[in-house]
Amino acid sequence: MNVLFLCSQNKLRSPTAHTLFADHPGIEVDSAGLNHDAEVPLSIEQLEWADLILVMEKAHRQRLTKRFHQHLAGKRIAVLAIPDDFDYMDPDLIQLLRERCARYFPMG
């Protein structure tokens, strides 16, 4: 399963998720940001690759749907509800990601 993590800037939350789950068995991961000036701006190729898209906030899902609706047919999109309150690899962020992602793929 190909899992794409999205946040705004691709600096803190989605890169943490990418790093955290990079070697996770049974999934491939990628990450991007929805802002035009993100570290890795979201591409159509990433959307086509993804089986599951996990966004950090409801607003991200809304922006994703508004900008890329024609590329989301059949895509599973879920909101993790993780606020922009954490630094990269913050232990509390890692714990939240593990808890919130457990329903989407096995934690092992």
PDB file of N, CA and C in Angstrom:
ATOM      1  N   MET A   1       0.848  -1.178   0.000  1.00  0.00           N
ATOM      2  CA  MET A   1       0.000   0.000   0.000  1.00  0.00           C
ATOM      3  C   MET A   1       0.890   1.236   0.000  1.00  0.00           C
ATOM      4  N   ASN A   2       0.547   2.204  -0.835  1.00  0.00           N
ATOM      5  CA  ASN A   2       1.275   3.469  -0.923  1.00  0.00           C
ATOM      6  C   ASN A   2       0.535   4.528  -0.120  1.00  0.00           C
ATOM      7  N   VAL A   3       1.227   5.078   0.890  1.00  0.00           N
ATOM      8  CA  VAL A   3       0.628   6.043   1.806  1.00  0.00           C
ATOM      9  C   VAL A   3       1.302   7.402   1.625  1.00  0.00           C
ATOM     10  N   LEU A   4       0.488   8.419   1.365  1.00  0.00           N
ATOM     11  CA  LEU A   4       0.979   9.785   1.181  1.00  0.00           C
ATOM     12  C   LEU A   4       0.532  10.636   2.364  1.00  0.00           C
ATOM     13  N   PHE A   5       1.486  11.254   3.051  1.00  0.00           N
ATOM     14  CA  PHE A   5       1.208  12.151   4.174  1.00  0.00           C
ATOM     15  C   PHE A   5       1.285  13.591   3.681  1.00  0.00           C
ATOM     16  N   LEU A   6       0.267  14.387   4.044  1.00  0.00           N
ATOM     17  CA  LEU A   6       0.222  15.786   3.620  1.00  0.00           C
ATOM     18  C   LEU A   6       0.040  16.719   4.807  1.00  0.00           C
ATOM     19  N   CYS A   7       0.769  17.844   4.770  1.00  0.00           N
ATOM     20  CA  CYS A   7       0.532  18.954   5.686  1.00  0.00           C
ATOM     21  C   CYS A   7       0.661  20.231   4.851  1.00  0.00           C
ATOM     22  N   SER A   8       0.920  21.348   5.472  1.00  0.00           N
ATOM     23  CA  SER A   8       0.980  22.611   4.729  1.00  0.00           C
ATOM     24  C   SER A   8       2.328  22.816   4.045  1.00  0.00           C
ATOM     25  N   GLN A   9       3.393  22.785   4.831  1.00  0.00           N
ATOM     26  CA  GLN A   9       4.719  23.149   4.340  1.00  0.00           C
ATOM     27  C   GLN A   9       5.644  21.967   4.068  1.00  0.00           C
ATOM     28  N   ASN A  10       5.273  20.782   4.512  1.00  0.00           N
ATOM     29  CA  ASN A  10       6.140  19.604   4.400  1.00  0.00           C
ATOM     30  C   ASN A  10       7.475  19.842   5.103  1.00  0.00           C
ATOM     31  N   LYS A  11       7.390  20.481   6.290  1.00  0.00           N
ATOM     32  CA  LYS A  11       8.598  20.749   7.076  1.00  0.00           C
ATOM     33  C   LYS A  11       8.603  20.002   8.405  1.00  0.00           C
ATOM     34  N   LEU A  12       7.428  19.787   9.016  1.00  0.00           N
ATOM     35  CA  LEU A  12       7.391  19.237  10.370  1.00  0.00           C
ATOM     36  C   LEU A  12       6.559  17.956  10.467  1.00  0.00           C
ATOM     37  N   ARG A  13       5.263  18.051  10.278  1.00  0.00           N
ATOM     38  CA  ARG A  13       4.383  16.909  10.510  1.00  0.00           C
ATOM     39  C   ARG A  13       4.504  15.817   9.453  1.00  0.00           C
ATOM     40  N   SER A  14       4.305  16.147   8.191  1.00  0.00           N
ATOM     41  CA  SER A  14       4.362  15.091   7.176  1.00  0.00           C
ATOM     42  C   SER A  14       5.770  14.504   7.007  1.00  0.00           C
ATOM     43  N   PRO A  15       6.849  15.300   7.097  1.00  0.00           N
ATOM     44  CA  PRO A  15       8.177  14.675   7.052  1.00  0.00           C
ATOM     45  C   PRO A  15       8.445  13.766   8.256  1.00  0.00           C
ATOM     46  N   THR A  16       7.898  14.120   9.418  1.00  0.00           N
ATOM     47  CA  THR A  16       8.042  13.244  10.583  1.00  0.00           C
ATOM     48  C   THR A  16       7.347  11.916  10.311  1.00  0.00           C
ATOM     49  N   ALA A  17       6.127  11.974   9.777  1.00  0.00           N
ATOM     50  CA  ALA A  17       5.409  10.744   9.440  1.00  0.00           C
ATOM     51  C   ALA A  17       6.177   9.940   8.395  1.00  0.00           C
ATOM     52  N   HIS A  18       6.710  10.619   7.407  1.00  0.00           N
ATOM     53  CA  HIS A  18       7.484   9.962   6.353  1.00  0.00           C
ATOM     54  C   HIS A  18       8.675   9.213   6.960  1.00  0.00           C
ATOM     55  N   THR A  19       9.418   9.893   7.816  1.00  0.00           N
ATOM     56  CA  THR A  19      10.578   9.274   8.460  1.00  0.00           C
ATOM     57  C   THR A  19      10.154   8.135   9.385  1.00  0.00           C
ATOM     58  N   LEU A  20       9.118   8.364  10.168  1.00  0.00           N
ATOM     59  CA  LEU A  20       8.651   7.378  11.143  1.00  0.00           C
ATOM     60  C   LEU A  20       8.245   6.061  10.480  1.00  0.00           C
ATOM     61  N   PHE A  21       7.557   6.155   9.345  1.00  0.00           N
ATOM     62  CA  PHE A  21       7.020   4.956   8.709  1.00  0.00           C
ATOM     63  C   PHE A  21       7.793   4.513   7.464  1.00  0.00           C
ATOM     64  N   ALA A  22       8.966   5.102   7.218  1.00  0.00           N
ATOM     65  CA  ALA A  22       9.746   4.808   6.007  1.00  0.00           C
ATOM     66  C   ALA A  22      10.091   3.329   5.868  1.00  0.00           C
ATOM     67  N   ASP A  23      10.394   2.664   6.955  1.00  0.00           N
ATOM     68  CA  ASP A  23      10.788   1.252   6.910  1.00  0.00           C
ATOM     69  C   ASP A  23       9.692   0.335   7.425  1.00  0.00           C
ATOM     70  N   HIS A  24       8.470   0.849   7.495  1.00  0.00           N
ATOM     71  CA  HIS A  24       7.349   0.078   8.020  1.00  0.00           C
ATOM     72  C   HIS A  24       6.988  -1.037   7.029  1.00  0.00           C
ATOM     73  N   PRO A  25       6.845  -2.279   7.513  1.00  0.00           N
ATOM     74  CA  PRO A  25       6.539  -3.371   6.594  1.00  0.00           C
ATOM     75  C   PRO A  25       5.145  -3.234   5.970  1.00  0.00           C
ATOM     76  N   GLY A  26       5.066  -3.531   4.697  1.00  0.00           N
ATOM     77  CA  GLY A  26       3.782  -3.565   4.009  1.00  0.00           C
ATOM     78  C   GLY A  26       3.313  -2.258   3.419  1.00  0.00           C
ATOM     79  N   ILE A  27       4.045  -1.172   3.662  1.00  0.00           N
ATOM     80  CA  ILE A  27       3.655   0.111   3.083  1.00  0.00           C
ATOM     81  C   ILE A  27       4.876   0.825   2.507  1.00  0.00           C
ATOM     82  N   GLU A  28       4.603   1.643   1.516  1.00  0.00           N
ATOM     83  CA  GLU A  28       5.570   2.601   0.989  1.00  0.00           C
ATOM     84  C   GLU A  28       5.024   3.967   1.366  1.00  0.00           C
ATOM     85  N   VAL A  29       5.900   4.910   1.708  1.00  0.00           N
ATOM     86  CA  VAL A  29       5.440   6.227   2.143  1.00  0.00           C
ATOM     87  C   VAL A  29       6.076   7.347   1.330  1.00  0.00           C
ATOM     88  N   ASP A  30       5.351   8.450   1.281  1.00  0.00           N
ATOM     89  CA  ASP A  30       5.846   9.685   0.685  1.00  0.00           C
ATOM     90  C   ASP A  30       5.180  10.824   1.439  1.00  0.00           C
ATOM     91  N   SER A  31       5.686  12.035   1.255  1.00  0.00           N
ATOM     92  CA  SER A  31       5.080  13.186   1.917  1.00  0.00           C
ATOM     93  C   SER A  31       5.232  14.414   1.039  1.00  0.00           C
ATOM     94  N   ALA A  32       4.328  15.359   1.280  1.00  0.00           N
ATOM     95  CA  ALA A  32       4.349  16.613   0.516  1.00  0.00           C
ATOM     96  C   ALA A  32       3.583  17.668   1.300  1.00  0.00           C
ATOM     97  N   GLY A  33       3.660  18.897   0.797  1.00  0.00           N
ATOM     98  CA  GLY A  33       2.926  20.005   1.394  1.00  0.00           C
ATOM     99  C   GLY A  33       1.938  20.579   0.396  1.00  0.00           C
ATOM    100  N   LEU A  34       0.857  21.129   0.914  1.00  0.00           N
ATOM    101  CA  LEU A  34      -0.182  21.720   0.067  1.00  0.00           C
ATOM    102  C   LEU A  34       0.100  23.166  -0.311  1.00  0.00           C
ATOM    103  N   ASN A  35       0.990  23.826   0.406  1.00  0.00           N
ATOM    104  CA  ASN A  35       1.333  25.202   0.060  1.00  0.00           C
ATOM    105  C   ASN A  35       2.231  25.223  -1.172  1.00  0.00           C
ATOM    106  N   HIS A  36       2.098  26.273  -1.963  1.00  0.00           N
ATOM    107  CA  HIS A  36       2.916  26.387  -3.171  1.00  0.00           C
ATOM    108  C   HIS A  36       4.406  26.505  -2.842  1.00  0.00           C
ATOM    109  N   ASP A  37       4.718  27.046  -1.662  1.00  0.00           N
ATOM    110  CA  ASP A  37       6.116  27.205  -1.258  1.00  0.00           C
ATOM    111  C   ASP A  37       6.570  26.111  -0.296  1.00  0.00           C
ATOM    112  N   ALA A  38       5.887  24.972  -0.298  1.00  0.00           N
ATOM    113  CA  ALA A  38       6.262  23.849   0.573  1.00  0.00           C
ATOM    114  C   ALA A  38       7.630  23.317   0.180  1.00  0.00           C
ATOM    115  N   GLU A  39       8.280  22.647   1.124  1.00  0.00           N
ATOM    116  CA  GLU A  39       9.575  22.015   0.845  1.00  0.00           C
ATOM    117  C   GLU A  39       9.441  21.060  -0.349  1.00  0.00           C
ATOM    118  N   VAL A  40       8.415  20.225  -0.335  1.00  0.00           N
ATOM    119  CA  VAL A  40       8.061  19.354  -1.460  1.00  0.00           C
ATOM    120  C   VAL A  40       6.590  19.626  -1.776  1.00  0.00           C
ATOM    121  N   PRO A  41       6.311  20.480  -2.767  1.00  0.00           N
ATOM    122  CA  PRO A  41       4.910  20.748  -3.111  1.00  0.00           C
ATOM    123  C   PRO A  41       4.246  19.493  -3.686  1.00  0.00           C
ATOM    124  N   LEU A  42       3.000  19.287  -3.323  1.00  0.00           N
ATOM    125  CA  LEU A  42       2.254  18.130  -3.792  1.00  0.00           C
ATOM    126  C   LEU A  42       2.188  18.101  -5.319  1.00  0.00           C
ATOM    127  N   SER A  43       2.429  16.907  -5.881  1.00  0.00           N
ATOM    128  CA  SER A  43       2.366  16.742  -7.336  1.00  0.00           C
ATOM    129  C   SER A  43       1.244  15.772  -7.712  1.00  0.00           C
ATOM    130  N   ILE A  44       0.796  15.876  -8.923  1.00  0.00           N
ATOM    131  CA  ILE A  44      -0.222  14.955  -9.434  1.00  0.00           C
ATOM    132  C   ILE A  44       0.327  13.534  -9.441  1.00  0.00           C
ATOM    133  N   GLU A  45       1.611  13.383  -9.731  1.00  0.00           N
ATOM    134  CA  GLU A  45       2.232  12.055  -9.731  1.00  0.00           C
ATOM    135  C   GLU A  45       2.135  11.401  -8.353  1.00  0.00           C
ATOM    136  N   GLN A  46       2.326  12.178  -7.300  1.00  0.00           N
ATOM    137  CA  GLN A  46       2.189  11.636  -5.949  1.00  0.00           C
ATOM    138  C   GLN A  46       0.760  11.181  -5.683  1.00  0.00           C
ATOM    139  N   LEU A  47      -0.201  11.970  -6.131  1.00  0.00           N
ATOM    140  CA  LEU A  47      -1.605  11.600  -5.942  1.00  0.00           C
ATOM    141  C   LEU A  47      -1.938  10.319  -6.698  1.00  0.00           C
ATOM    142  N   GLU A  48      -1.437  10.204  -7.921  1.00  0.00           N
ATOM    143  CA  GLU A  48      -1.693   8.999  -8.707  1.00  0.00           C
ATOM    144  C   GLU A  48      -1.060   7.772  -8.058  1.00  0.00           C
ATOM    145  N   TRP A  49       0.099   7.940  -7.445  1.00  0.00           N
ATOM    146  CA  TRP A  49       0.831   6.852  -6.789  1.00  0.00           C
ATOM    147  C   TRP A  49       0.121   6.373  -5.526  1.00  0.00           C
ATOM    148  N   ALA A  50      -0.504   7.281  -4.796  1.00  0.00           N
ATOM    149  CA  ALA A  50      -1.039   6.998  -3.456  1.00  0.00           C
ATOM    150  C   ALA A  50      -2.298   6.137  -3.488  1.00  0.00           C
ATOM    151  N   ASP A  51      -2.315   5.144  -2.589  1.00  0.00           N
ATOM    152  CA  ASP A  51      -3.529   4.362  -2.316  1.00  0.00           C
ATOM    153  C   ASP A  51      -4.315   4.998  -1.179  1.00  0.00           C
ATOM    154  N   LEU A  52      -3.580   5.601  -0.252  1.00  0.00           N
ATOM    155  CA  LEU A  52      -4.157   6.221   0.937  1.00  0.00           C
ATOM    156  C   LEU A  52      -3.487   7.567   1.144  1.00  0.00           C
ATOM    157  N   ILE A  53      -4.291   8.605   1.317  1.00  0.00           N
ATOM    158  CA  ILE A  53      -3.771   9.951   1.563  1.00  0.00           C
ATOM    159  C   ILE A  53      -4.187  10.353   2.971  1.00  0.00           C
ATOM    160  N   LEU A  54      -3.191  10.620   3.820  1.00  0.00           N
ATOM    161  CA  LEU A  54      -3.444  11.019   5.202  1.00  0.00           C
ATOM    162  C   LEU A  54      -3.042  12.476   5.363  1.00  0.00           C
ATOM    163  N   VAL A  55      -4.039  13.322   5.653  1.00  0.00           N
ATOM    164  CA  VAL A  55      -3.793  14.746   5.859  1.00  0.00           C
ATOM    165  C   VAL A  55      -3.821  15.039   7.355  1.00  0.00           C
ATOM    166  N   MET A  56      -3.141  16.094   7.748  1.00  0.00           N
ATOM    167  CA  MET A  56      -3.017  16.395   9.169  1.00  0.00           C
ATOM    168  C   MET A  56      -4.238  17.126   9.732  1.00  0.00           C
ATOM    169  N   GLU A  57      -4.913  17.949   8.916  1.00  0.00           N
ATOM    170  CA  GLU A  57      -6.032  18.765   9.401  1.00  0.00           C
ATOM    171  C   GLU A  57      -7.195  18.729   8.412  1.00  0.00           C
ATOM    172  N   LYS A  58      -8.395  19.025   8.903  1.00  0.00           N
ATOM    173  CA  LYS A  58      -9.572  19.113   8.026  1.00  0.00           C
ATOM    174  C   LYS A  58      -9.351  20.127   6.918  1.00  0.00           C
ATOM    175  N   ALA A  59      -8.705  21.238   7.250  1.00  0.00           N
ATOM    176  CA  ALA A  59      -8.444  22.280   6.250  1.00  0.00           C
ATOM    177  C   ALA A  59      -7.588  21.737   5.104  1.00  0.00           C
ATOM    178  N   HIS A  60      -6.674  20.816   5.414  1.00  0.00           N
ATOM    179  CA  HIS A  60      -5.847  20.217   4.361  1.00  0.00           C
ATOM    180  C   HIS A  60      -6.713  19.397   3.413  1.00  0.00           C
ATOM    181  N   ARG A  61      -7.654  18.652   3.977  1.00  0.00           N
ATOM    182  CA  ARG A  61      -8.545  17.854   3.119  1.00  0.00           C
ATOM    183  C   ARG A  61      -9.357  18.778   2.199  1.00  0.00           C
ATOM    184  N   GLN A  62      -9.831  19.879   2.754  1.00  0.00           N
ATOM    185  CA  GLN A  62     -10.616  20.829   1.954  1.00  0.00           C
ATOM    186  C   GLN A  62      -9.768  21.431   0.828  1.00  0.00           C
ATOM    187  N   ARG A  63      -8.550  21.832   1.148  1.00  0.00           N
ATOM    188  CA  ARG A  63      -7.657  22.409   0.131  1.00  0.00           C
ATOM    189  C   ARG A  63      -7.292  21.374  -0.924  1.00  0.00           C
ATOM    190  N   LEU A  64      -7.025  20.153  -0.481  1.00  0.00           N
ATOM    191  CA  LEU A  64      -6.699  19.065  -1.400  1.00  0.00           C
ATOM    192  C   LEU A  64      -7.854  18.828  -2.371  1.00  0.00           C
ATOM    193  N   THR A  65      -9.053  18.739  -1.841  1.00  0.00           N
ATOM    194  CA  THR A  65     -10.232  18.486  -2.662  1.00  0.00           C
ATOM    195  C   THR A  65     -10.490  19.641  -3.624  1.00  0.00           C
ATOM    196  N   LYS A  66     -10.327  20.856  -3.151  1.00  0.00           N
ATOM    197  CA  LYS A  66     -10.570  22.030  -3.986  1.00  0.00           C
ATOM    198  C   LYS A  66      -9.581  22.101  -5.153  1.00  0.00           C
ATOM    199  N   ARG A  67      -8.303  21.863  -4.876  1.00  0.00           N
ATOM    200  CA  ARG A  67      -7.273  22.025  -5.902  1.00  0.00           C
ATOM    201  C   ARG A  67      -7.097  20.817  -6.810  1.00  0.00           C
ATOM    202  N   PHE A  68      -7.358  19.616  -6.279  1.00  0.00           N
ATOM    203  CA  PHE A  68      -7.005  18.404  -7.018  1.00  0.00           C
ATOM    204  C   PHE A  68      -8.170  17.434  -7.200  1.00  0.00           C
ATOM    205  N   HIS A  69      -9.410  17.932  -7.092  1.00  0.00           N
ATOM    206  CA  HIS A  69     -10.571  17.030  -7.109  1.00  0.00           C
ATOM    207  C   HIS A  69     -10.575  16.072  -8.294  1.00  0.00           C
ATOM    208  N   GLN A  70     -10.117  16.512  -9.451  1.00  0.00           N
ATOM    209  CA  GLN A  70     -10.147  15.656 -10.636  1.00  0.00           C
ATOM    210  C   GLN A  70      -9.157  14.498 -10.554  1.00  0.00           C
ATOM    211  N   HIS A  71      -8.219  14.553  -9.600  1.00  0.00           N
ATOM    212  CA  HIS A  71      -7.206  13.497  -9.460  1.00  0.00           C
ATOM    213  C   HIS A  71      -7.469  12.608  -8.243  1.00  0.00           C
ATOM    214  N   LEU A  72      -8.596  12.789  -7.588  1.00  0.00           N
ATOM    215  CA  LEU A  72      -8.858  12.075  -6.333  1.00  0.00           C
ATOM    216  C   LEU A  72      -9.903  10.971  -6.466  1.00  0.00           C
ATOM    217  N   ALA A  73     -10.380  10.706  -7.663  1.00  0.00           N
ATOM    218  CA  ALA A  73     -11.403   9.671  -7.847  1.00  0.00           C
ATOM    219  C   ALA A  73     -10.883   8.325  -7.345  1.00  0.00           C
ATOM    220  N   GLY A  74     -11.641   7.704  -6.461  1.00  0.00           N
ATOM    221  CA  GLY A  74     -11.269   6.399  -5.928  1.00  0.00           C
ATOM    222  C   GLY A  74     -10.190   6.419  -4.867  1.00  0.00           C
ATOM    223  N   LYS A  75      -9.731   7.600  -4.490  1.00  0.00           N
ATOM    224  CA  LYS A  75      -8.677   7.710  -3.473  1.00  0.00           C
ATOM    225  C   LYS A  75      -9.282   7.730  -2.077  1.00  0.00           C
ATOM    226  N   ARG A  76      -8.649   7.038  -1.166  1.00  0.00           N
ATOM    227  CA  ARG A  76      -9.054   7.058   0.235  1.00  0.00           C
ATOM    228  C   ARG A  76      -8.291   8.187   0.917  1.00  0.00           C
ATOM    229  N   ILE A  77      -9.033   9.126   1.496  1.00  0.00           N
ATOM    230  CA  ILE A  77      -8.437  10.287   2.165  1.00  0.00           C
ATOM    231  C   ILE A  77      -8.943  10.312   3.599  1.00  0.00           C
ATOM    232  N   ALA A  78      -8.020  10.469   4.544  1.00  0.00           N
ATOM    233  CA  ALA A  78      -8.405  10.514   5.952  1.00  0.00           C
ATOM    234  C   ALA A  78      -7.689  11.673   6.639  1.00  0.00           C
ATOM    235  N   VAL A  79      -8.367  12.235   7.628  1.00  0.00           N
ATOM    236  CA  VAL A  79      -7.823  13.341   8.420  1.00  0.00           C
ATOM    237  C   VAL A  79      -7.293  12.783   9.739  1.00  0.00           C
ATOM    238  N   LEU A  80      -6.027  13.044  10.036  1.00  0.00           N
ATOM    239  CA  LEU A  80      -5.416  12.570  11.281  1.00  0.00           C
ATOM    240  C   LEU A  80      -5.693  13.498  12.459  1.00  0.00           C
ATOM    241  N   ALA A  81      -6.146  14.712  12.194  1.00  0.00           N
ATOM    242  CA  ALA A  81      -6.455  15.693  13.243  1.00  0.00           C
ATOM    243  C   ALA A  81      -5.255  15.950  14.152  1.00  0.00           C
ATOM    244  N   ILE A  82      -4.141  16.308  13.522  1.00  0.00           N
ATOM    245  CA  ILE A  82      -2.915  16.636  14.255  1.00  0.00           C
ATOM    246  C   ILE A  82      -2.592  18.109  13.990  1.00  0.00           C
ATOM    247  N   PRO A  83      -2.683  18.948  15.023  1.00  0.00           N
ATOM    248  CA  PRO A  83      -2.447  20.383  14.832  1.00  0.00           C
ATOM    249  C   PRO A  83      -0.978  20.699  14.564  1.00  0.00           C
ATOM    250  N   ASP A  84      -0.748  21.902  14.074  1.00  0.00           N
ATOM    251  CA  ASP A  84       0.605  22.363  13.749  1.00  0.00           C
ATOM    252  C   ASP A  84       1.273  22.914  15.010  1.00  0.00           C
ATOM    253  N   ASP A  85       1.460  22.022  15.989  1.00  0.00           N
ATOM    254  CA  ASP A  85       2.011  22.413  17.290  1.00  0.00           C
ATOM    255  C   ASP A  85       3.311  21.696  17.627  1.00  0.00           C
ATOM    256  N   PHE A  86       3.956  21.079  16.654  1.00  0.00           N
ATOM    257  CA  PHE A  86       5.079  20.191  16.950  1.00  0.00           C
ATOM    258  C   PHE A  86       6.278  20.510  16.077  1.00  0.00           C
ATOM    259  N   ASP A  87       7.460  20.203  16.612  1.00  0.00           N
ATOM    260  CA  ASP A  87       8.680  20.272  15.828  1.00  0.00           C
ATOM    261  C   ASP A  87       8.886  18.936  15.122  1.00  0.00           C
ATOM    262  N   TYR A  88       9.787  18.931  14.154  1.00  0.00           N
ATOM    263  CA  TYR A  88      10.142  17.702  13.442  1.00  0.00           C
ATOM    264  C   TYR A  88      10.628  16.644  14.435  1.00  0.00           C
ATOM    265  N   MET A  89      10.075  15.448  14.341  1.00  0.00           N
ATOM    266  CA  MET A  89      10.426  14.283  15.174  1.00  0.00           C
ATOM    267  C   MET A  89      10.173  14.513  16.669  1.00  0.00           C
ATOM    268  N   ASP A  90       9.287  15.427  17.004  1.00  0.00           N
ATOM    269  CA  ASP A  90       8.870  15.643  18.396  1.00  0.00           C
ATOM    270  C   ASP A  90       8.285  14.333  18.930  1.00  0.00           C
ATOM    271  N   PRO A  91       8.719  13.871  20.109  1.00  0.00           N
ATOM    272  CA  PRO A  91       8.206  12.608  20.654  1.00  0.00           C
ATOM    273  C   PRO A  91       6.679  12.580  20.797  1.00  0.00           C
ATOM    274  N   ASP A  92       6.072  13.707  21.129  1.00  0.00           N
ATOM    275  CA  ASP A  92       4.608  13.750  21.233  1.00  0.00           C
ATOM    276  C   ASP A  92       3.955  13.605  19.854  1.00  0.00           C
ATOM    277  N   LEU A  93       4.563  14.182  18.843  1.00  0.00           N
ATOM    278  CA  LEU A  93       4.066  14.042  17.477  1.00  0.00           C
ATOM    279  C   LEU A  93       4.188  12.591  17.026  1.00  0.00           C
ATOM    280  N   ILE A  94       5.306  11.970  17.319  1.00  0.00           N
ATOM    281  CA  ILE A  94       5.510  10.561  16.954  1.00  0.00           C
ATOM    282  C   ILE A  94       4.450   9.680  17.605  1.00  0.00           C
ATOM    283  N   GLN A  95       4.177   9.926  18.866  1.00  0.00           N
ATOM    284  CA  GLN A  95       3.152   9.148  19.566  1.00  0.00           C
ATOM    285  C   GLN A  95       1.778   9.346  18.927  1.00  0.00           C
ATOM    286  N   LEU A  96       1.432  10.582  18.631  1.00  0.00           N
ATOM    287  CA  LEU A  96       0.153  10.879  17.980  1.00  0.00           C
ATOM    288  C   LEU A  96       0.057  10.200  16.617  1.00  0.00           C
ATOM    289  N   LEU A  97       1.110  10.260  15.844  1.00  0.00           N
ATOM    290  CA  LEU A  97       1.112   9.623  14.528  1.00  0.00           C
ATOM    291  C   LEU A  97       0.911   8.121  14.653  1.00  0.00           C
ATOM    292  N   ARG A  98       1.594   7.501  15.588  1.00  0.00           N
ATOM    293  CA  ARG A  98       1.417   6.048  15.789  1.00  0.00           C
ATOM    294  C   ARG A  98      -0.022   5.720  16.159  1.00  0.00           C
ATOM    295  N   GLU A  99      -0.590   6.501  17.079  1.00  0.00           N
ATOM    296  CA  GLU A  99      -1.970   6.257  17.518  1.00  0.00           C
ATOM    297  C   GLU A  99      -2.963   6.473  16.381  1.00  0.00           C
ATOM    298  N   ARG A 100      -2.815   7.583  15.663  1.00  0.00           N
ATOM    299  CA  ARG A 100      -3.809   7.957  14.649  1.00  0.00           C
ATOM    300  C   ARG A 100      -3.685   7.114  13.374  1.00  0.00           C
ATOM    301  N   CYS A 101      -2.493   6.610  13.081  1.00  0.00           N
ATOM    302  CA  CYS A 101      -2.304   5.820  11.864  1.00  0.00           C
ATOM    303  C   CYS A 101      -2.627   4.337  12.073  1.00  0.00           C
ATOM    304  N   ALA A 102      -2.758   3.907  13.311  1.00  0.00           N
ATOM    305  CA  ALA A 102      -2.964   2.485  13.609  1.00  0.00           C
ATOM    306  C   ALA A 102      -4.207   1.919  12.928  1.00  0.00           C
ATOM    307  N   ARG A 103      -5.225   2.715  12.726  1.00  0.00           N
ATOM    308  CA  ARG A 103      -6.447   2.226  12.084  1.00  0.00           C
ATOM    309  C   ARG A 103      -6.288   2.056  10.581  1.00  0.00           C
ATOM    310  N   TYR A 104      -5.261   2.645   9.989  1.00  0.00           N
ATOM    311  CA  TYR A 104      -5.097   2.628   8.537  1.00  0.00           C
ATOM    312  C   TYR A 104      -4.109   1.584   8.048  1.00  0.00           C
ATOM    313  N   PHE A 105      -3.140   1.247   8.885  1.00  0.00           N
ATOM    314  CA  PHE A 105      -2.229   0.151   8.546  1.00  0.00           C
ATOM    315  C   PHE A 105      -1.695  -0.421   9.852  1.00  0.00           C
ATOM    316  N   PRO A 106      -1.380  -1.719   9.875  1.00  0.00           N
ATOM    317  CA  PRO A 106      -0.966  -2.368  11.113  1.00  0.00           C
ATOM    318  C   PRO A 106       0.344  -1.806  11.659  1.00  0.00           C
ATOM    319  N   MET A 107       0.383  -1.607  12.960  1.00  0.00           N
ATOM    320  CA  MET A 107       1.595  -1.070  13.585  1.00  0.00           C
ATOM    321  C   MET A 107       2.618  -2.158  13.883  1.00  0.00           C
ATOM    322  N   GLY A 108       2.201  -3.416  13.888  1.00  0.00           N
ATOM    323  CA  GLY A 108       3.141  -4.524  14.078  1.00  0.00           C
ATOM    324  C   GLY A 108       3.699  -4.666  15.458  1.00  0.00           C
TER     325      GLY A 108
END
